[in-house]
Protein backbone atom coordinates (compact mmCIF):
# COMPACT_ATOMS: atom_id res chain seq x y z
CA MET A 1 37.99 114.86 -103.68
CA ASP A 2 39.98 112.84 -106.14
CA ASN A 3 42.24 110.08 -104.85
CA GLY A 4 45.32 111.26 -106.76
CA THR A 5 48.55 111.49 -104.80
CA GLU A 6 48.39 115.29 -104.84
CA PHE A 7 45.17 115.07 -102.80
CA THR A 8 46.07 112.25 -100.43
CA SER A 9 49.28 113.66 -98.99
CA ARG A 10 49.91 114.07 -95.28
CA ALA A 11 50.61 117.78 -95.86
CA LEU A 12 47.12 118.36 -97.31
CA ASP A 13 45.55 116.33 -94.52
CA ASP A 14 47.37 118.41 -91.88
CA TRP A 15 46.49 121.68 -93.64
CA ALA A 16 42.79 120.77 -93.75
CA TYR A 17 42.75 119.51 -90.15
CA ARG A 18 44.25 122.77 -88.83
CA ARG A 19 41.46 124.69 -90.56
CA GLY A 20 38.61 122.42 -89.51
CA ILE A 21 38.04 121.18 -93.06
CA LYS A 22 36.84 117.61 -93.53
CA LEU A 23 38.20 116.07 -96.71
CA ASP A 24 35.67 113.89 -98.52
CA TYR A 25 37.18 111.54 -101.11
CA THR A 26 35.44 109.83 -103.99
CA ARG A 27 35.58 106.05 -104.24
CA PRO A 28 38.68 104.89 -106.11
CA GLY A 29 37.92 104.02 -109.73
CA LYS A 30 34.48 105.69 -109.66
CA PRO A 31 34.71 108.92 -111.71
CA THR A 32 30.91 109.08 -111.79
CA ASP A 33 30.99 109.94 -108.06
CA ASN A 34 32.37 113.32 -109.08
CA GLY A 35 30.85 113.79 -112.52
CA LEU A 36 30.61 117.58 -112.49
CA ILE A 37 34.27 118.01 -111.63
CA GLU A 38 35.32 115.35 -114.13
CA SER A 39 33.28 117.18 -116.79
CA PHE A 40 34.89 120.52 -115.89
CA ASN A 41 38.38 118.99 -115.94
CA GLY A 42 37.67 117.55 -119.40
CA ARG A 43 36.56 120.93 -120.72
CA LEU A 44 39.58 122.67 -119.18
CA ARG A 45 41.90 120.11 -120.77
CA ASP A 46 40.19 120.01 -124.20
CA GLU A 47 39.40 123.73 -124.58
CA PHE A 48 42.40 125.26 -122.85
CA LEU A 49 45.37 123.09 -121.90
CA ASN A 50 45.50 121.18 -125.20
CA VAL A 51 44.99 124.33 -127.28
CA HIS A 52 47.57 126.81 -125.97
CA GLU A 53 51.28 126.95 -125.33
CA PHE A 54 52.35 128.75 -122.17
CA ILE A 55 55.72 130.43 -122.26
CA PRO A 56 56.38 132.19 -119.88
CA LEU A 57 54.28 131.46 -116.79
CA HIS A 58 52.52 134.85 -116.80
CA ASP A 59 51.21 133.91 -120.27
CA LEU A 60 49.47 130.90 -118.70
CA ARG A 61 47.94 133.09 -116.01
CA GLU A 62 46.62 135.64 -118.52
CA LYS A 63 45.14 133.00 -120.82
CA LEU A 64 43.63 131.05 -117.94
CA GLN A 65 42.02 134.19 -116.53
CA ALA A 66 40.45 134.94 -119.95
CA TRP A 67 39.18 131.34 -120.24
CA GLN A 68 37.75 131.44 -116.70
CA ASP A 69 36.01 134.75 -117.44
CA ASP A 70 34.39 133.26 -120.54
CA TYR A 71 33.45 130.03 -118.74
CA ASN A 72 31.90 131.79 -115.73
CA HIS A 73 30.47 135.02 -117.16
CA HIS A 74 29.62 134.48 -120.83
CA ARG A 75 29.02 130.79 -121.55
CA PRO A 76 25.57 129.37 -120.68
CA HIS A 77 25.65 125.93 -119.07
CA GLY A 78 22.91 123.42 -119.80
CA SER A 79 23.20 121.95 -116.31
CA LEU A 80 22.38 125.40 -114.89
CA GLY A 81 19.23 125.96 -116.93
CA HIS A 82 21.23 127.65 -119.72
CA LEU A 83 22.50 130.36 -117.38
CA THR A 84 26.12 131.29 -116.91
CA PRO A 85 27.55 130.23 -113.53
CA CYS A 86 27.51 133.87 -112.40
CA GLU A 87 23.87 134.30 -113.41
CA TYR A 88 23.00 131.07 -111.61
CA VAL A 89 24.69 132.18 -108.40
CA GLN A 90 22.99 135.59 -108.56
CA LYS A 91 19.61 133.95 -109.12
CA TRP A 92 19.94 131.67 -106.09
CA SER A 93 21.91 133.89 -103.71
CA VAL A 94 19.88 135.47 -100.95
CA GLN A 95 22.65 137.82 -99.93
CA PRO A 96 25.85 137.92 -101.92
CA LYS A 97 28.81 137.63 -99.58
CA GLU A 98 32.46 138.16 -100.23
CA ALA A 99 34.37 134.94 -99.74
CA ALA A 100 37.23 135.01 -97.29
CA PRO A 101 40.54 134.21 -98.97
CA LEU A 102 42.10 130.84 -98.23
CA GLN A 103 45.18 131.03 -96.07
CA PHE A 104 47.96 128.57 -96.69
């Protein structure tokens, strides 16, 4: 995890502890420790956040859902052997399972 204040709060620590989740932080000042996430965040910022205006909030949700659909279902990723993330997961999944929703 990133070391930003939103990820190092006592509330997040308590939430994770109650659910048996161990938080694993990257080293401060070492973005290469988390290169895939940093790359994704850059794409999200450059291709989505810096391109659109979001008024009202439901507009943000609709546009983000469309961007996520394109990113995960239609856009091949070089790091995944030029498969989409969904194709990659299907290729390597033994048995697809439905993820349990997070409870806050």
